[in-house]
Amino acid sequence: MRRVDAPRAGWFPDPENQTTLRFWDGLDWTDARRSPPSAAELLSFEQREAFAAAHRYVAPGLSSAASTVANRIGRPDSQQIVEDVRRAARSEVDRAADLFTQRARQMQSDFVPLVSEYTNKVVRWIRLAAIVAVVLLVAYFVFQVIAQASLFEWIGDRIDNLNDDLQGAPSIAAWITSGVGPAS
């Protein structure tokens, strides 16, 4: 069924249970159900409709002939108005959806460079930290090699000096007896 062929929204006999009424929203059945109206409810509705028809608002600048013409607008004319409103609403919704899509794409295109910019900065800092760590590690190893070499060299020199003293120099006892020492 096409939308234009569908009945207007209102209470209709329930297709599943003929003893109740069910609300048709203009497109589909809702879950709202009720019992059929009583005679008092029907009378009240008719009186309200009669009162509303007798007390219709007439715009101040509108002549009685114009108000009669306005009241005579038939269902086809009102259907045309409704269709025009639907078309206008649909075009407005489409325009809003297009605008939303454009803004979402713009935000996405603005966001991606921002993420990559900050990611690049973080990667640069990590690289710099890694380079500094490697340089410090290499410097530490070089220092250790030099320090150990110089330490071993110093110890070796001391040992050599002791050996030289023991081989070519008089013994300590001779040195003490010779009188060349602190006692003299």
N, C-alpha and C. Protein backbone atom coordinates (compact mmCIF):
# COMPACT_ATOMS: atom_id res chain seq x y z
N MET A 1 0.84 -1.16 0.00
CA MET A 1 0.00 0.00 0.00
C MET A 1 0.90 1.24 0.00
N ARG A 2 0.55 2.19 -0.84
CA ARG A 2 1.30 3.43 -0.90
C ARG A 2 0.86 4.33 0.25
N ARG A 3 1.73 5.24 0.64
CA ARG A 3 1.41 6.15 1.75
C ARG A 3 0.20 7.02 1.45
N VAL A 4 0.10 7.46 0.21
CA VAL A 4 -1.02 8.35 -0.13
C VAL A 4 -2.34 7.60 -0.10
N ASP A 5 -2.28 6.27 -0.30
CA ASP A 5 -3.51 5.47 -0.28
C ASP A 5 -3.89 5.04 1.13
N ALA A 6 -2.97 5.17 2.08
CA ALA A 6 -3.23 4.72 3.44
C ALA A 6 -4.25 5.65 4.11
N PRO A 7 -5.09 5.08 4.96
CA PRO A 7 -6.05 5.94 5.67
C PRO A 7 -5.33 6.86 6.65
N ARG A 8 -5.98 7.96 7.01
CA ARG A 8 -5.37 8.90 7.95
C ARG A 8 -5.28 8.24 9.32
N ALA A 9 -4.46 8.81 10.19
CA ALA A 9 -4.26 8.25 11.52
C ALA A 9 -5.57 8.30 12.31
N GLY A 10 -5.84 7.27 13.09
CA GLY A 10 -7.04 7.25 13.92
C GLY A 10 -7.32 5.86 14.45
N TRP A 11 -8.47 5.74 15.17
CA TRP A 11 -8.87 4.45 15.74
C TRP A 11 -9.71 3.69 14.72
N PHE A 12 -9.34 2.44 14.48
CA PHE A 12 -10.04 1.59 13.53
C PHE A 12 -10.25 0.22 14.16
N PRO A 13 -11.19 -0.59 13.61
CA PRO A 13 -11.35 -1.95 14.13
C PRO A 13 -10.03 -2.71 14.03
N ASP A 14 -9.69 -3.40 15.10
CA ASP A 14 -8.44 -4.15 15.16
C ASP A 14 -8.53 -5.34 14.19
N PRO A 15 -7.59 -5.49 13.25
CA PRO A 15 -7.65 -6.61 12.31
C PRO A 15 -7.46 -7.96 13.00
N GLU A 16 -6.87 -7.99 14.17
CA GLU A 16 -6.65 -9.24 14.88
C GLU A 16 -7.80 -9.59 15.83
N ASN A 17 -8.54 -8.59 16.28
CA ASN A 17 -9.64 -8.80 17.23
C ASN A 17 -10.71 -7.77 16.92
N GLN A 18 -11.80 -8.18 16.32
CA GLN A 18 -12.83 -7.26 15.84
C GLN A 18 -13.63 -6.60 16.97
N THR A 19 -13.47 -7.05 18.21
CA THR A 19 -14.24 -6.46 19.31
C THR A 19 -13.53 -5.25 19.91
N THR A 20 -12.31 -4.94 19.49
CA THR A 20 -11.58 -3.79 20.01
C THR A 20 -11.18 -2.87 18.87
N LEU A 21 -10.76 -1.67 19.25
CA LEU A 21 -10.24 -0.71 18.28
C LEU A 21 -8.72 -0.65 18.46
N ARG A 22 -8.04 -0.39 17.37
CA ARG A 22 -6.58 -0.28 17.41
C ARG A 22 -6.19 1.00 16.68
N PHE A 23 -5.12 1.65 17.18
CA PHE A 23 -4.73 2.94 16.59
C PHE A 23 -3.83 2.73 15.39
N TRP A 24 -4.21 3.35 14.29
CA TRP A 24 -3.43 3.36 13.05
C TRP A 24 -2.74 4.72 12.99
N ASP A 25 -1.39 4.76 12.92
CA ASP A 25 -0.67 6.04 12.96
C ASP A 25 -0.48 6.67 11.59
N GLY A 26 -1.10 6.09 10.57
CA GLY A 26 -0.98 6.61 9.22
C GLY A 26 -0.03 5.79 8.37
N LEU A 27 0.85 5.03 9.03
CA LEU A 27 1.79 4.18 8.31
C LEU A 27 1.70 2.73 8.75
N ASP A 28 1.39 2.50 10.04
CA ASP A 28 1.40 1.15 10.57
C ASP A 28 0.53 1.10 11.82
N TRP A 29 0.15 -0.13 12.21
CA TRP A 29 -0.61 -0.31 13.43
C TRP A 29 0.30 -0.12 14.63
N THR A 30 -0.24 0.54 15.67
CA THR A 30 0.51 0.68 16.92
C THR A 30 0.05 -0.40 17.89
N ASP A 31 0.62 -0.43 19.09
CA ASP A 31 0.21 -1.38 20.11
C ASP A 31 -0.94 -0.85 20.96
N ALA A 32 -1.39 0.35 20.71
CA ALA A 32 -2.48 0.95 21.50
C ALA A 32 -3.82 0.34 21.07
N ARG A 33 -4.54 -0.20 22.05
CA ARG A 33 -5.86 -0.79 21.79
C ARG A 33 -6.85 -0.24 22.80
N ARG A 34 -8.13 -0.23 22.44
CA ARG A 34 -9.18 0.22 23.37
C ARG A 34 -10.50 -0.42 22.95
N SER A 35 -11.44 -0.33 23.85
CA SER A 35 -12.77 -0.87 23.52
C SER A 35 -13.50 0.15 22.65
N PRO A 36 -14.52 -0.27 21.92
CA PRO A 36 -15.25 0.67 21.07
C PRO A 36 -15.92 1.75 21.93
N PRO A 37 -16.14 2.95 21.38
CA PRO A 37 -16.74 4.03 22.17
C PRO A 37 -18.21 3.72 22.52
N SER A 38 -18.60 4.22 23.68
CA SER A 38 -20.00 4.04 24.10
C SER A 38 -20.87 5.09 23.42
N ALA A 39 -22.15 4.98 23.57
CA ALA A 39 -23.09 5.94 22.96
C ALA A 39 -22.86 7.33 23.52
N ALA A 40 -22.54 7.42 24.83
CA ALA A 40 -22.29 8.73 25.44
C ALA A 40 -21.03 9.37 24.85
N GLU A 41 -20.02 8.57 24.61
CA GLU A 41 -18.79 9.11 24.02
C GLU A 41 -19.03 9.59 22.60
N LEU A 42 -19.82 8.84 21.84
CA LEU A 42 -20.14 9.26 20.46
C LEU A 42 -20.94 10.56 20.46
N LEU A 43 -21.92 10.68 21.38
CA LEU A 43 -22.73 11.90 21.46
C LEU A 43 -21.85 13.09 21.85
N SER A 44 -20.97 12.88 22.81
CA SER A 44 -20.07 13.95 23.23
C SER A 44 -19.17 14.39 22.07
N PHE A 45 -18.68 13.44 21.29
CA PHE A 45 -17.83 13.77 20.15
C PHE A 45 -18.61 14.58 19.12
N GLU A 46 -19.83 14.18 18.82
CA GLU A 46 -20.64 14.90 17.83
C GLU A 46 -20.94 16.31 18.30
N GLN A 47 -21.22 16.48 19.59
CA GLN A 47 -21.49 17.81 20.11
C GLN A 47 -20.24 18.69 20.04
N ARG A 48 -19.11 18.12 20.34
CA ARG A 48 -17.86 18.88 20.27
C ARG A 48 -17.57 19.31 18.84
N GLU A 49 -17.79 18.42 17.88
CA GLU A 49 -17.56 18.76 16.47
C GLU A 49 -18.52 19.86 16.02
N ALA A 50 -19.78 19.79 16.43
CA ALA A 50 -20.76 20.82 16.06
C ALA A 50 -20.36 22.16 16.66
N PHE A 51 -19.91 22.16 17.92
CA PHE A 51 -19.50 23.40 18.57
C PHE A 51 -18.29 23.99 17.86
N ALA A 52 -17.31 23.16 17.50
CA ALA A 52 -16.11 23.64 16.81
C ALA A 52 -16.46 24.21 15.45
N ALA A 53 -17.42 23.59 14.74
CA ALA A 53 -17.81 24.09 13.42
C ALA A 53 -18.53 25.43 13.55
N ALA A 54 -19.33 25.60 14.60
CA ALA A 54 -20.08 26.85 14.77
C ALA A 54 -19.17 27.99 15.23
N HIS A 55 -18.08 27.67 15.86
CA HIS A 55 -17.21 28.71 16.40
C HIS A 55 -15.83 28.72 15.75
N ARG A 56 -15.81 28.57 14.46
CA ARG A 56 -14.54 28.62 13.74
C ARG A 56 -13.97 30.04 13.79
N TYR A 57 -12.66 30.11 13.87
CA TYR A 57 -11.99 31.40 13.90
C TYR A 57 -11.94 31.99 12.50
N VAL A 58 -12.31 33.26 12.39
CA VAL A 58 -12.22 33.97 11.12
C VAL A 58 -11.22 35.09 11.32
N ALA A 59 -10.21 35.14 10.49
CA ALA A 59 -9.19 36.17 10.60
C ALA A 59 -9.83 37.54 10.44
N PRO A 60 -9.34 38.57 11.16
CA PRO A 60 -9.98 39.89 11.13
C PRO A 60 -10.06 40.50 9.74
N GLY A 61 -9.09 40.32 8.89
CA GLY A 61 -9.11 40.93 7.57
C GLY A 61 -9.84 40.09 6.54
N LEU A 62 -10.37 38.96 6.92
CA LEU A 62 -10.97 38.02 5.97
C LEU A 62 -12.47 38.30 5.88
N SER A 63 -12.99 38.46 4.68
CA SER A 63 -14.43 38.71 4.52
C SER A 63 -15.19 37.40 4.71
N SER A 64 -16.47 37.50 4.87
CA SER A 64 -17.28 36.29 5.07
C SER A 64 -17.25 35.41 3.83
N ALA A 65 -17.16 36.02 2.64
CA ALA A 65 -17.08 35.23 1.41
C ALA A 65 -15.76 34.47 1.37
N ALA A 66 -14.70 35.13 1.79
CA ALA A 66 -13.39 34.47 1.80
C ALA A 66 -13.38 33.36 2.82
N SER A 67 -14.04 33.58 3.98
CA SER A 67 -14.07 32.52 4.98
C SER A 67 -14.88 31.34 4.49
N THR A 68 -15.91 31.61 3.72
CA THR A 68 -16.69 30.52 3.15
C THR A 68 -15.83 29.73 2.18
N VAL A 69 -15.05 30.43 1.36
CA VAL A 69 -14.15 29.74 0.42
C VAL A 69 -13.11 28.94 1.19
N ALA A 70 -12.60 29.53 2.26
CA ALA A 70 -11.59 28.83 3.05
C ALA A 70 -12.18 27.58 3.69
N ASN A 71 -13.43 27.64 4.12
CA ASN A 71 -14.07 26.48 4.72
C ASN A 71 -14.42 25.42 3.69
N ARG A 72 -14.52 25.84 2.41
CA ARG A 72 -14.90 24.90 1.37
C ARG A 72 -13.71 24.13 0.80
N ILE A 73 -12.53 24.42 1.29
CA ILE A 73 -11.37 23.70 0.75
C ILE A 73 -11.63 22.22 1.00
N GLY A 74 -11.61 21.49 -0.06
CA GLY A 74 -11.95 20.08 0.03
C GLY A 74 -10.75 19.22 0.38
N ARG A 75 -11.03 17.95 0.47
CA ARG A 75 -9.99 16.98 0.80
C ARG A 75 -8.87 16.94 -0.23
N PRO A 76 -9.16 17.02 -1.53
CA PRO A 76 -8.05 17.02 -2.49
C PRO A 76 -7.10 18.19 -2.29
N ASP A 77 -7.65 19.40 -1.98
CA ASP A 77 -6.78 20.55 -1.77
C ASP A 77 -5.95 20.35 -0.50
N SER A 78 -6.55 19.84 0.56
CA SER A 78 -5.79 19.62 1.79
C SER A 78 -4.76 18.51 1.59
N GLN A 79 -5.10 17.52 0.79
CA GLN A 79 -4.12 16.46 0.48
C GLN A 79 -2.92 17.05 -0.26
N GLN A 80 -3.18 17.99 -1.15
CA GLN A 80 -2.11 18.64 -1.91
C GLN A 80 -1.22 19.45 -0.95
N ILE A 81 -1.86 20.14 0.00
CA ILE A 81 -1.10 20.91 0.98
C ILE A 81 -0.23 19.98 1.83
N VAL A 82 -0.85 18.89 2.27
CA VAL A 82 -0.10 17.92 3.07
C VAL A 82 1.07 17.37 2.27
N GLU A 83 0.84 17.07 1.02
CA GLU A 83 1.91 16.54 0.17
C GLU A 83 3.02 17.57 -0.02
N ASP A 84 2.65 18.84 -0.20
CA ASP A 84 3.66 19.89 -0.33
C ASP A 84 4.49 20.03 0.95
N VAL A 85 3.80 19.94 2.09
CA VAL A 85 4.52 20.03 3.37
C VAL A 85 5.45 18.84 3.52
N ARG A 86 4.99 17.66 3.16
CA ARG A 86 5.85 16.48 3.24
C ARG A 86 7.07 16.63 2.35
N ARG A 87 6.86 17.10 1.13
CA ARG A 87 7.97 17.30 0.21
C ARG A 87 8.97 18.31 0.76
N ALA A 88 8.45 19.41 1.31
CA ALA A 88 9.33 20.44 1.88
C ALA A 88 10.09 19.87 3.08
N ALA A 89 9.40 19.12 3.92
CA ALA A 89 10.06 18.52 5.09
C ALA A 89 11.13 17.52 4.64
N ARG A 90 10.81 16.71 3.65
CA ARG A 90 11.76 15.73 3.15
C ARG A 90 13.00 16.42 2.57
N SER A 91 12.79 17.49 1.79
CA SER A 91 13.93 18.20 1.23
C SER A 91 14.77 18.86 2.33
N GLU A 92 14.12 19.34 3.38
CA GLU A 92 14.86 19.94 4.50
C GLU A 92 15.67 18.87 5.24
N VAL A 93 15.07 17.70 5.42
CA VAL A 93 15.79 16.60 6.07
C VAL A 93 16.98 16.18 5.21
N ASP A 94 16.78 16.08 3.91
CA ASP A 94 17.88 15.72 3.02
C ASP A 94 18.99 16.76 3.06
N ARG A 95 18.60 18.05 3.07
CA ARG A 95 19.59 19.11 3.13
C ARG A 95 20.37 19.05 4.44
N ALA A 96 19.66 18.82 5.55
CA ALA A 96 20.33 18.71 6.86
C ALA A 96 21.26 17.50 6.88
N ALA A 97 20.83 16.40 6.29
CA ALA A 97 21.68 15.20 6.25
C ALA A 97 22.94 15.46 5.42
N ASP A 98 22.78 16.15 4.29
CA ASP A 98 23.95 16.48 3.46
C ASP A 98 24.90 17.41 4.21
N LEU A 99 24.34 18.40 4.90
CA LEU A 99 25.16 19.33 5.68
C LEU A 99 25.89 18.59 6.79
N PHE A 100 25.20 17.70 7.47
CA PHE A 100 25.83 16.91 8.54
C PHE A 100 26.94 16.04 7.97
N THR A 101 26.71 15.43 6.82
CA THR A 101 27.72 14.58 6.19
C THR A 101 28.95 15.41 5.81
N GLN A 102 28.73 16.59 5.25
CA GLN A 102 29.85 17.46 4.89
C GLN A 102 30.66 17.84 6.12
N ARG A 103 29.97 18.23 7.18
CA ARG A 103 30.67 18.63 8.41
C ARG A 103 31.42 17.45 9.03
N ALA A 104 30.81 16.27 8.98
CA ALA A 104 31.48 15.09 9.54
C ALA A 104 32.74 14.77 8.73
N ARG A 105 32.66 14.86 7.43
CA ARG A 105 33.84 14.61 6.59
C ARG A 105 34.92 15.66 6.83
N GLN A 106 34.50 16.92 6.99
CA GLN A 106 35.47 17.99 7.26
C GLN A 106 36.17 17.75 8.59
N MET A 107 35.39 17.37 9.61
CA MET A 107 35.98 17.10 10.92
C MET A 107 36.94 15.92 10.84
N GLN A 108 36.56 14.90 10.07
CA GLN A 108 37.43 13.74 9.93
C GLN A 108 38.72 14.13 9.22
N SER A 109 38.61 14.94 8.18
CA SER A 109 39.81 15.35 7.46
C SER A 109 40.68 16.27 8.31
N ASP A 110 40.07 17.04 9.23
CA ASP A 110 40.85 17.87 10.14
C ASP A 110 41.47 17.02 11.24
N PHE A 111 40.82 15.98 11.64
CA PHE A 111 41.27 15.16 12.77
C PHE A 111 42.44 14.26 12.39
N VAL A 112 42.43 13.71 11.18
CA VAL A 112 43.48 12.78 10.76
C VAL A 112 44.85 13.46 10.73
N PRO A 113 45.02 14.67 10.15
CA PRO A 113 46.34 15.30 10.21
C PRO A 113 46.76 15.63 11.64
N LEU A 114 45.80 15.98 12.48
CA LEU A 114 46.10 16.29 13.87
C LEU A 114 46.68 15.07 14.58
N VAL A 115 46.06 13.91 14.35
CA VAL A 115 46.54 12.68 14.95
C VAL A 115 47.93 12.34 14.42
N SER A 116 48.11 12.43 13.12
CA SER A 116 49.42 12.08 12.56
C SER A 116 50.48 13.10 12.99
N GLU A 117 50.10 14.36 13.17
CA GLU A 117 51.07 15.37 13.61
C GLU A 117 51.57 15.03 15.02
N TYR A 118 50.65 14.75 15.92
CA TYR A 118 51.07 14.43 17.29
C TYR A 118 51.76 13.06 17.35
N THR A 119 51.34 12.13 16.52
CA THR A 119 52.00 10.83 16.47
C THR A 119 53.44 11.02 15.99
N ASN A 120 53.64 11.88 14.98
CA ASN A 120 54.99 12.14 14.49
C ASN A 120 55.85 12.77 15.58
N LYS A 121 55.27 13.69 16.37
CA LYS A 121 56.04 14.30 17.46
C LYS A 121 56.43 13.26 18.50
N VAL A 122 55.54 12.39 18.85
CA VAL A 122 55.83 11.35 19.83
C VAL A 122 56.90 10.41 19.30
N VAL A 123 56.80 10.04 18.04
CA VAL A 123 57.80 9.15 17.43
C VAL A 123 59.16 9.84 17.42
N ARG A 124 59.19 11.13 17.12
CA ARG A 124 60.46 11.86 17.13
C ARG A 124 61.08 11.87 18.53
N TRP A 125 60.28 12.10 19.55
CA TRP A 125 60.79 12.10 20.92
C TRP A 125 61.30 10.72 21.32
N ILE A 126 60.59 9.70 20.91
CA ILE A 126 61.04 8.33 21.22
C ILE A 126 62.35 8.04 20.51
N ARG A 127 62.47 8.44 19.25
CA ARG A 127 63.73 8.24 18.52
C ARG A 127 64.87 8.99 19.19
N LEU A 128 64.61 10.24 19.57
CA LEU A 128 65.64 11.04 20.23
C LEU A 128 66.07 10.38 21.54
N ALA A 129 65.11 9.90 22.32
CA ALA A 129 65.42 9.23 23.58
C ALA A 129 66.23 7.96 23.32
N ALA A 130 65.90 7.21 22.29
CA ALA A 130 66.63 5.99 21.95
C ALA A 130 68.07 6.32 21.53
N ILE A 131 68.24 7.38 20.75
CA ILE A 131 69.59 7.78 20.30
C ILE A 131 70.42 8.21 21.51
N VAL A 132 69.83 9.01 22.40
CA VAL A 132 70.55 9.45 23.60
C VAL A 132 70.92 8.24 24.45
N ALA A 133 70.02 7.28 24.61
CA ALA A 133 70.31 6.08 25.40
C ALA A 133 71.45 5.28 24.79
N VAL A 134 71.44 5.14 23.47
CA VAL A 134 72.51 4.39 22.80
C VAL A 134 73.84 5.12 22.96
N VAL A 135 73.85 6.44 22.81
CA VAL A 135 75.09 7.21 22.95
C VAL A 135 75.62 7.08 24.37
N LEU A 136 74.75 7.20 25.37
CA LEU A 136 75.17 7.05 26.76
C LEU A 136 75.70 5.65 27.03
N LEU A 137 75.07 4.64 26.48
CA LEU A 137 75.53 3.26 26.65
C LEU A 137 76.91 3.06 26.04
N VAL A 138 77.10 3.58 24.86
CA VAL A 138 78.41 3.48 24.20
C VAL A 138 79.46 4.23 25.01
N ALA A 139 79.11 5.42 25.50
CA ALA A 139 80.05 6.19 26.32
C ALA A 139 80.40 5.44 27.60
N TYR A 140 79.44 4.80 28.20
CA TYR A 140 79.68 4.03 29.41
C TYR A 140 80.65 2.88 29.13
N PHE A 141 80.41 2.15 28.05
CA PHE A 141 81.31 1.04 27.71
C PHE A 141 82.71 1.54 27.38
N VAL A 142 82.82 2.64 26.66
CA VAL A 142 84.14 3.20 26.33
C VAL A 142 84.84 3.62 27.61
N PHE A 143 84.12 4.28 28.51
CA PHE A 143 84.71 4.69 29.78
C PHE A 143 85.18 3.48 30.58
N GLN A 144 84.36 2.45 30.59
CA GLN A 144 84.74 1.25 31.33
C GLN A 144 86.00 0.62 30.75
N VAL A 145 86.11 0.56 29.45
CA VAL A 145 87.29 -0.01 28.81
C VAL A 145 88.51 0.84 29.13
N ILE A 146 88.39 2.15 29.00
CA ILE A 146 89.52 3.05 29.26
C ILE A 146 89.88 3.00 30.74
N ALA A 147 88.87 3.05 31.61
CA ALA A 147 89.14 3.03 33.05
C ALA A 147 89.80 1.72 33.46
N GLN A 148 89.31 0.64 32.93
CA GLN A 148 89.92 -0.65 33.27
C GLN A 148 91.33 -0.74 32.72
N ALA A 149 91.52 -0.27 31.49
CA ALA A 149 92.86 -0.31 30.90
C ALA A 149 93.82 0.55 31.70
N SER A 150 93.39 1.75 32.07
CA SER A 150 94.28 2.62 32.83
C SER A 150 94.49 2.08 34.23
N LEU A 151 93.51 1.47 34.83
CA LEU A 151 93.66 0.87 36.15
C LEU A 151 94.67 -0.28 36.08
N PHE A 152 94.47 -1.15 35.08
CA PHE A 152 95.40 -2.28 34.96
C PHE A 152 96.81 -1.79 34.62
N GLU A 153 96.88 -0.73 33.83
CA GLU A 153 98.18 -0.16 33.49
C GLU A 153 98.87 0.39 34.74
N TRP A 154 98.13 1.09 35.56
CA TRP A 154 98.68 1.66 36.80
C TRP A 154 99.14 0.56 37.74
N ILE A 155 98.28 -0.48 37.89
CA ILE A 155 98.66 -1.61 38.75
C ILE A 155 99.90 -2.29 38.19
N GLY A 156 99.92 -2.46 36.89
CA GLY A 156 101.10 -3.07 36.26
C GLY A 156 102.34 -2.24 36.49
N ASP A 157 102.23 -0.92 36.36
CA ASP A 157 103.38 -0.04 36.61
C ASP A 157 103.86 -0.16 38.06
N ARG A 158 102.96 -0.24 38.99
CA ARG A 158 103.34 -0.38 40.40
C ARG A 158 104.06 -1.70 40.62
N ILE A 159 103.54 -2.75 40.01
CA ILE A 159 104.17 -4.06 40.16
C ILE A 159 105.55 -4.04 39.53
N ASP A 160 105.68 -3.43 38.38
CA ASP A 160 106.99 -3.32 37.71
C ASP A 160 107.97 -2.53 38.58
N ASN A 161 107.51 -1.46 39.17
CA ASN A 161 108.38 -0.65 40.03
C ASN A 161 108.83 -1.46 41.25
N LEU A 162 107.93 -2.24 41.80
CA LEU A 162 108.30 -3.08 42.93
C LEU A 162 109.34 -4.12 42.52
N ASN A 163 109.14 -4.73 41.36
CA ASN A 163 110.10 -5.73 40.88
C ASN A 163 111.45 -5.10 40.61
N ASP A 164 111.40 -3.90 40.00
CA ASP A 164 112.67 -3.22 39.72
C ASP A 164 113.41 -2.90 41.02
N ASP A 165 112.67 -2.47 42.02
CA ASP A 165 113.27 -2.14 43.30
C ASP A 165 113.87 -3.40 43.94
N LEU A 166 113.20 -4.49 43.82
CA LEU A 166 113.69 -5.70 44.44
C LEU A 166 114.91 -6.26 43.71
N GLN A 167 115.01 -6.12 42.42
CA GLN A 167 116.12 -6.69 41.68
C GLN A 167 117.36 -5.80 41.72
N GLY A 168 117.21 -4.56 41.55
CA GLY A 168 118.39 -3.71 41.43
C GLY A 168 118.69 -2.93 42.68
N ALA A 169 117.84 -2.83 43.59
CA ALA A 169 118.07 -2.00 44.77
C ALA A 169 118.49 -2.88 45.94
N PRO A 170 119.21 -2.28 46.87
CA PRO A 170 119.59 -3.07 48.03
C PRO A 170 118.37 -3.45 48.83
N SER A 171 118.48 -4.44 49.60
CA SER A 171 117.36 -4.92 50.38
C SER A 171 117.05 -3.91 51.46
N ILE A 172 115.99 -4.07 52.07
CA ILE A 172 115.55 -3.14 53.09
C ILE A 172 116.49 -3.23 54.29
N ALA A 173 116.92 -4.43 54.58
CA ALA A 173 117.82 -4.58 55.73
C ALA A 173 119.13 -3.84 55.48
N ALA A 174 119.62 -3.94 54.23
CA ALA A 174 120.86 -3.24 53.90
C ALA A 174 120.64 -1.75 53.93
N TRP A 175 119.55 -1.34 53.56
CA TRP A 175 119.24 0.07 53.54
C TRP A 175 119.17 0.61 54.95
N ILE A 176 118.63 -0.16 55.85
CA ILE A 176 118.52 0.27 57.24
C ILE A 176 119.93 0.28 57.90
N THR A 177 120.73 -0.74 57.65
CA THR A 177 122.04 -0.82 58.26
C THR A 177 123.01 0.17 57.69
N SER A 178 122.81 0.56 56.51
CA SER A 178 123.72 1.53 55.91
C SER A 178 123.59 2.90 56.55
N GLY A 179 122.61 3.09 57.27
CA GLY A 179 122.42 4.35 57.94
C GLY A 179 121.80 5.41 57.07
N VAL A 180 121.32 5.04 55.95
CA VAL A 180 120.69 6.03 55.07
C VAL A 180 119.18 5.91 55.30
N GLY A 181 118.68 6.29 56.15
CA GLY A 181 117.26 6.12 56.38
C GLY A 181 116.77 7.15 57.34
N PRO A 182 115.71 6.96 57.84
CA PRO A 182 115.11 7.95 58.71
C PRO A 182 115.81 7.99 60.06
N ALA A 183 116.56 6.94 60.42
CA ALA A 183 117.20 6.96 61.73
C ALA A 183 118.37 7.92 61.79
N SER A 184 119.00 8.17 60.67
CA SER A 184 120.18 9.02 60.71
C SER A 184 119.85 10.43 60.81
